């Protein structure tokens, strides 16, 4: 019974020391200011019957949401920033299983 009590005591002492170390290192150093989180600019434009929502960050257009009047909305994304727009739907990352069941 004595070895289990000493092991439990050692675990409690270790955890207490670890928590004290975390509190010591978690304090914010003096002179540091939090970074300002930059939010994207959103512009909503009506083009014909469609509604186009443009998302810009630091003045650069990176995503467009197109909402047709009679269909489902979809996104166009400039993934690399080179002006090559790719349609990004909800089913875009659909992975169809293709297992080989039999072969001859």
N, C-alpha and C. Protein backbone atom coordinates (compact mmCIF):
# COMPACT_ATOMS: atom_id res chain seq x y z
N UNK A 1 0.82 -1.19 0.00
CA UNK A 1 0.00 0.00 0.00
C UNK A 1 0.87 1.26 0.00
N UNK A 2 2.02 1.20 0.64
CA UNK A 2 2.89 2.35 0.72
C UNK A 2 3.44 2.79 -0.64
N UNK A 3 3.81 1.87 -1.55
CA UNK A 3 4.32 2.32 -2.84
C UNK A 3 3.28 3.08 -3.65
N UNK A 4 2.01 2.68 -3.56
CA UNK A 4 1.00 3.38 -4.34
C UNK A 4 0.73 4.78 -3.79
N UNK A 5 0.84 4.97 -2.47
CA UNK A 5 0.65 6.30 -1.90
C UNK A 5 1.80 7.21 -2.28
N UNK A 6 3.02 6.70 -2.28
CA UNK A 6 4.15 7.55 -2.65
C UNK A 6 4.11 7.88 -4.15
N UNK A 7 3.65 6.95 -4.97
CA UNK A 7 3.53 7.22 -6.40
C UNK A 7 2.45 8.27 -6.65
N UNK A 8 1.35 8.18 -5.92
CA UNK A 8 0.27 9.15 -6.06
C UNK A 8 0.75 10.54 -5.61
N UNK A 9 1.52 10.57 -4.52
CA UNK A 9 2.06 11.84 -4.03
C UNK A 9 3.02 12.44 -5.06
N UNK A 10 3.83 11.61 -5.69
CA UNK A 10 4.78 12.09 -6.70
C UNK A 10 4.04 12.67 -7.91
N UNK A 11 2.94 12.03 -8.31
CA UNK A 11 2.15 12.53 -9.44
C UNK A 11 1.53 13.87 -9.09
N UNK A 12 1.00 14.02 -7.87
CA UNK A 12 0.39 15.28 -7.45
C UNK A 12 1.44 16.39 -7.42
N UNK A 13 2.63 16.10 -6.90
CA UNK A 13 3.69 17.10 -6.85
C UNK A 13 4.11 17.50 -8.27
N UNK A 14 4.24 16.51 -9.16
CA UNK A 14 4.63 16.79 -10.53
C UNK A 14 3.60 17.67 -11.23
N UNK A 15 2.31 17.33 -11.08
CA UNK A 15 1.25 18.11 -11.72
C UNK A 15 1.19 19.53 -11.18
N UNK A 16 1.39 19.69 -9.88
CA UNK A 16 1.39 21.02 -9.29
C UNK A 16 2.54 21.85 -9.83
N UNK A 17 3.71 21.25 -9.96
CA UNK A 17 4.86 21.95 -10.53
C UNK A 17 4.64 22.31 -11.98
N UNK A 18 4.02 21.41 -12.74
CA UNK A 18 3.75 21.68 -14.15
C UNK A 18 2.77 22.83 -14.31
N UNK A 19 1.74 22.88 -13.46
CA UNK A 19 0.77 23.97 -13.53
C UNK A 19 1.43 25.29 -13.14
N UNK A 20 2.31 25.28 -12.16
CA UNK A 20 3.00 26.51 -11.76
C UNK A 20 3.90 27.00 -12.89
N UNK A 21 4.56 26.08 -13.60
CA UNK A 21 5.41 26.46 -14.72
C UNK A 21 4.57 27.06 -15.85
N UNK A 22 3.40 26.48 -16.11
CA UNK A 22 2.53 27.03 -17.16
C UNK A 22 2.08 28.45 -16.81
N UNK A 23 1.73 28.68 -15.56
CA UNK A 23 1.32 30.03 -15.14
C UNK A 23 2.47 31.02 -15.27
N UNK A 24 3.68 30.58 -14.96
CA UNK A 24 4.84 31.45 -15.05
C UNK A 24 5.11 31.85 -16.49
N UNK A 25 5.04 30.88 -17.42
CA UNK A 25 5.33 31.16 -18.82
C UNK A 25 4.13 31.77 -19.56
N UNK A 26 2.93 31.66 -19.02
CA UNK A 26 1.75 32.16 -19.70
C UNK A 26 1.56 33.66 -19.51
N UNK A 27 2.31 34.27 -18.61
CA UNK A 27 2.17 35.70 -18.40
C UNK A 27 2.70 36.46 -19.61
N UNK A 28 2.01 37.51 -19.98
CA UNK A 28 2.38 38.29 -21.15
C UNK A 28 3.55 39.20 -20.81
N UNK A 29 4.60 39.14 -21.63
CA UNK A 29 5.75 40.04 -21.39
C UNK A 29 5.34 41.50 -21.55
N UNK A 30 6.07 42.36 -20.88
CA UNK A 30 5.77 43.79 -20.94
C UNK A 30 6.12 44.35 -22.32
N UNK A 31 5.35 45.32 -22.77
CA UNK A 31 5.64 45.99 -24.03
C UNK A 31 5.02 45.34 -25.25
N UNK A 32 4.39 44.19 -25.10
CA UNK A 32 3.75 43.54 -26.24
C UNK A 32 2.31 43.99 -26.35
N UNK A 33 1.88 44.25 -27.56
CA UNK A 33 0.50 44.62 -27.80
C UNK A 33 -0.16 43.53 -28.64
N UNK A 34 -1.43 43.26 -28.43
CA UNK A 34 -2.09 42.23 -29.24
C UNK A 34 -2.18 42.66 -30.70
N UNK A 35 -2.09 41.67 -31.59
CA UNK A 35 -2.20 41.95 -33.01
C UNK A 35 -3.64 42.32 -33.36
N UNK A 36 -3.78 43.28 -34.25
CA UNK A 36 -5.12 43.64 -34.69
C UNK A 36 -5.56 42.64 -35.75
N UNK A 37 -6.72 42.08 -35.57
CA UNK A 37 -7.24 41.11 -36.53
C UNK A 37 -7.91 41.88 -37.66
N UNK A 38 -7.42 41.64 -38.86
CA UNK A 38 -7.95 42.35 -40.01
C UNK A 38 -9.15 41.60 -40.57
N UNK A 39 -10.25 42.28 -40.70
CA UNK A 39 -11.47 41.67 -41.22
C UNK A 39 -11.60 41.99 -42.71
N UNK A 40 -12.19 41.06 -43.48
CA UNK A 40 -12.35 41.33 -44.91
C UNK A 40 -13.43 42.38 -45.16
N UNK A 41 -13.25 43.10 -46.26
CA UNK A 41 -14.27 44.05 -46.71
C UNK A 41 -15.25 43.27 -47.58
N UNK A 42 -16.53 43.44 -47.33
CA UNK A 42 -17.57 42.73 -48.07
C UNK A 42 -18.40 43.75 -48.85
N UNK A 43 -18.52 43.50 -50.16
CA UNK A 43 -19.31 44.37 -51.02
C UNK A 43 -20.38 43.53 -51.70
N UNK A 44 -21.64 43.95 -51.59
CA UNK A 44 -22.75 43.23 -52.21
C UNK A 44 -23.23 44.04 -53.41
N UNK A 45 -23.22 43.39 -54.59
CA UNK A 45 -23.59 44.06 -55.83
C UNK A 45 -24.72 43.27 -56.48
N UNK A 46 -25.71 43.95 -57.00
CA UNK A 46 -26.81 43.32 -57.73
C UNK A 46 -26.50 43.43 -59.21
N UNK A 47 -26.32 42.29 -59.90
CA UNK A 47 -26.04 42.27 -61.33
C UNK A 47 -27.17 41.51 -62.03
N UNK A 48 -28.05 42.24 -62.64
CA UNK A 48 -29.23 41.61 -63.26
C UNK A 48 -30.11 41.02 -62.17
N UNK A 49 -30.38 39.74 -62.29
CA UNK A 49 -31.16 39.04 -61.26
C UNK A 49 -30.28 38.37 -60.23
N UNK A 50 -28.96 38.38 -60.44
CA UNK A 50 -28.02 37.72 -59.53
C UNK A 50 -27.50 38.70 -58.49
N UNK A 51 -27.17 38.16 -57.33
CA UNK A 51 -26.52 38.95 -56.29
C UNK A 51 -25.09 38.44 -56.15
N UNK A 52 -24.13 39.35 -56.26
CA UNK A 52 -22.72 39.01 -56.17
C UNK A 52 -22.14 39.64 -54.92
N UNK A 53 -21.54 38.80 -54.07
CA UNK A 53 -20.90 39.28 -52.85
C UNK A 53 -19.40 39.14 -53.03
N UNK A 54 -18.67 40.26 -52.94
CA UNK A 54 -17.22 40.26 -53.14
C UNK A 54 -16.53 40.38 -51.79
N UNK A 55 -15.50 39.56 -51.58
CA UNK A 55 -14.72 39.57 -50.35
C UNK A 55 -13.30 40.03 -50.68
N UNK A 56 -12.86 41.10 -50.02
CA UNK A 56 -11.52 41.65 -50.25
C UNK A 56 -10.77 41.71 -48.92
N UNK A 57 -9.48 41.43 -49.01
CA UNK A 57 -8.60 41.55 -47.86
C UNK A 57 -7.40 42.38 -48.28
N UNK A 58 -7.17 43.48 -47.58
CA UNK A 58 -6.12 44.44 -47.93
C UNK A 58 -6.28 44.94 -49.36
N UNK A 59 -7.53 45.12 -49.80
CA UNK A 59 -7.82 45.66 -51.12
C UNK A 59 -7.77 44.64 -52.25
N UNK A 60 -7.41 43.39 -51.96
CA UNK A 60 -7.31 42.38 -53.01
C UNK A 60 -8.52 41.45 -52.96
N UNK A 61 -9.17 41.29 -54.12
CA UNK A 61 -10.34 40.42 -54.23
C UNK A 61 -9.88 38.97 -54.19
N UNK A 62 -10.38 38.18 -53.22
CA UNK A 62 -9.95 36.79 -53.11
C UNK A 62 -11.10 35.78 -53.20
N UNK A 63 -12.35 36.23 -53.05
CA UNK A 63 -13.47 35.30 -53.12
C UNK A 63 -14.72 36.05 -53.55
N UNK A 64 -15.55 35.37 -54.35
CA UNK A 64 -16.82 35.94 -54.82
C UNK A 64 -17.90 34.90 -54.58
N UNK A 65 -19.01 35.33 -53.99
CA UNK A 65 -20.17 34.46 -53.82
C UNK A 65 -21.24 34.93 -54.79
N UNK A 66 -21.69 34.01 -55.64
CA UNK A 66 -22.72 34.34 -56.62
C UNK A 66 -24.01 33.66 -56.18
N UNK A 67 -25.08 34.45 -56.05
CA UNK A 67 -26.38 33.91 -55.66
C UNK A 67 -27.36 34.20 -56.79
N UNK A 68 -27.63 33.19 -57.64
CA UNK A 68 -28.61 33.40 -58.72
C UNK A 68 -30.01 33.53 -58.14
N UNK A 69 -30.89 34.16 -58.90
CA UNK A 69 -32.26 34.37 -58.42
C UNK A 69 -33.05 33.06 -58.37
N UNK A 70 -32.67 32.09 -59.19
CA UNK A 70 -33.45 30.85 -59.23
C UNK A 70 -32.59 29.60 -59.04
N UNK A 71 -31.52 29.68 -58.29
CA UNK A 71 -30.67 28.51 -58.09
C UNK A 71 -29.88 28.60 -56.80
N UNK A 72 -29.03 27.61 -56.60
CA UNK A 72 -28.20 27.56 -55.40
C UNK A 72 -26.98 28.47 -55.58
N UNK A 73 -26.55 29.08 -54.50
CA UNK A 73 -25.39 29.96 -54.58
C UNK A 73 -24.11 29.13 -54.65
N UNK A 74 -23.06 29.75 -55.21
CA UNK A 74 -21.76 29.09 -55.31
C UNK A 74 -20.67 30.12 -55.11
N UNK A 75 -19.47 29.65 -54.84
CA UNK A 75 -18.33 30.52 -54.58
C UNK A 75 -17.29 30.37 -55.68
N UNK A 76 -16.63 31.47 -56.01
CA UNK A 76 -15.47 31.49 -56.90
C UNK A 76 -14.30 31.97 -56.04
N UNK A 77 -13.22 31.17 -56.02
CA UNK A 77 -12.09 31.46 -55.14
C UNK A 77 -10.82 31.58 -55.97
N UNK A 78 -10.04 32.60 -55.67
CA UNK A 78 -8.71 32.77 -56.26
C UNK A 78 -7.72 32.19 -55.26
N UNK A 79 -7.39 30.91 -55.42
CA UNK A 79 -6.62 30.19 -54.41
C UNK A 79 -5.16 30.61 -54.34
N UNK A 80 -4.57 30.98 -55.46
CA UNK A 80 -3.15 31.32 -55.47
C UNK A 80 -2.89 32.81 -55.63
N UNK A 81 -3.94 33.60 -55.82
CA UNK A 81 -3.78 35.03 -55.96
C UNK A 81 -3.29 35.47 -57.33
N UNK A 82 -3.42 34.59 -58.34
CA UNK A 82 -2.93 34.92 -59.67
C UNK A 82 -4.06 35.26 -60.64
N UNK A 83 -5.29 35.38 -60.16
CA UNK A 83 -6.42 35.71 -61.02
C UNK A 83 -7.08 34.51 -61.66
N UNK A 84 -6.63 33.31 -61.33
CA UNK A 84 -7.25 32.09 -61.86
C UNK A 84 -8.34 31.66 -60.87
N UNK A 85 -9.60 31.86 -61.27
CA UNK A 85 -10.73 31.62 -60.38
C UNK A 85 -11.20 30.18 -60.51
N UNK A 86 -11.46 29.54 -59.37
CA UNK A 86 -11.93 28.15 -59.32
C UNK A 86 -13.26 28.14 -58.59
N UNK A 87 -14.23 27.42 -59.17
CA UNK A 87 -15.53 27.31 -58.53
C UNK A 87 -15.43 26.37 -57.34
N UNK A 88 -15.93 26.81 -56.22
CA UNK A 88 -15.85 26.03 -54.99
C UNK A 88 -17.27 25.79 -54.49
N UNK A 89 -17.78 24.58 -54.72
CA UNK A 89 -19.12 24.22 -54.26
C UNK A 89 -19.01 23.42 -52.97
N UNK A 90 -20.16 23.14 -52.38
CA UNK A 90 -20.15 22.32 -51.17
C UNK A 90 -19.74 20.88 -51.48
N UNK A 91 -19.97 20.40 -52.71
CA UNK A 91 -19.61 19.04 -53.09
C UNK A 91 -18.22 18.97 -53.71
N UNK A 92 -17.48 20.07 -53.66
CA UNK A 92 -16.17 20.13 -54.31
C UNK A 92 -15.20 19.09 -53.75
N UNK A 93 -15.25 18.83 -52.46
CA UNK A 93 -14.32 17.92 -51.83
C UNK A 93 -14.93 16.55 -51.60
N UNK A 94 -15.90 16.20 -52.42
CA UNK A 94 -16.54 14.92 -52.31
C UNK A 94 -15.59 13.85 -52.82
N UNK A 95 -15.31 12.88 -52.00
CA UNK A 95 -14.39 11.82 -52.37
C UNK A 95 -15.20 10.53 -52.54
N UNK A 96 -15.23 10.03 -53.75
CA UNK A 96 -15.98 8.82 -54.06
C UNK A 96 -15.09 7.62 -53.81
N UNK A 97 -15.52 6.64 -52.99
CA UNK A 97 -14.69 5.46 -52.75
C UNK A 97 -14.54 4.64 -54.02
N UNK A 98 -13.32 4.22 -54.32
CA UNK A 98 -13.02 3.42 -55.50
C UNK A 98 -12.17 2.22 -55.10
N UNK A 99 -12.77 1.29 -54.38
CA UNK A 99 -12.05 0.11 -53.96
C UNK A 99 -12.17 -0.97 -55.02
N UNK A 100 -11.13 -1.74 -55.19
CA UNK A 100 -11.17 -2.89 -56.09
C UNK A 100 -11.77 -4.05 -55.33
N UNK A 101 -12.93 -4.52 -55.79
CA UNK A 101 -13.60 -5.63 -55.11
C UNK A 101 -13.15 -6.97 -55.70
N UNK A 102 -13.05 -7.00 -56.99
CA UNK A 102 -12.56 -8.24 -57.63
C UNK A 102 -11.72 -7.84 -58.84
N UNK A 103 -10.82 -8.65 -59.17
CA UNK A 103 -10.04 -8.44 -60.39
C UNK A 103 -9.63 -9.80 -60.92
N UNK A 104 -9.48 -9.88 -62.23
CA UNK A 104 -9.02 -11.12 -62.81
C UNK A 104 -7.89 -10.92 -63.76
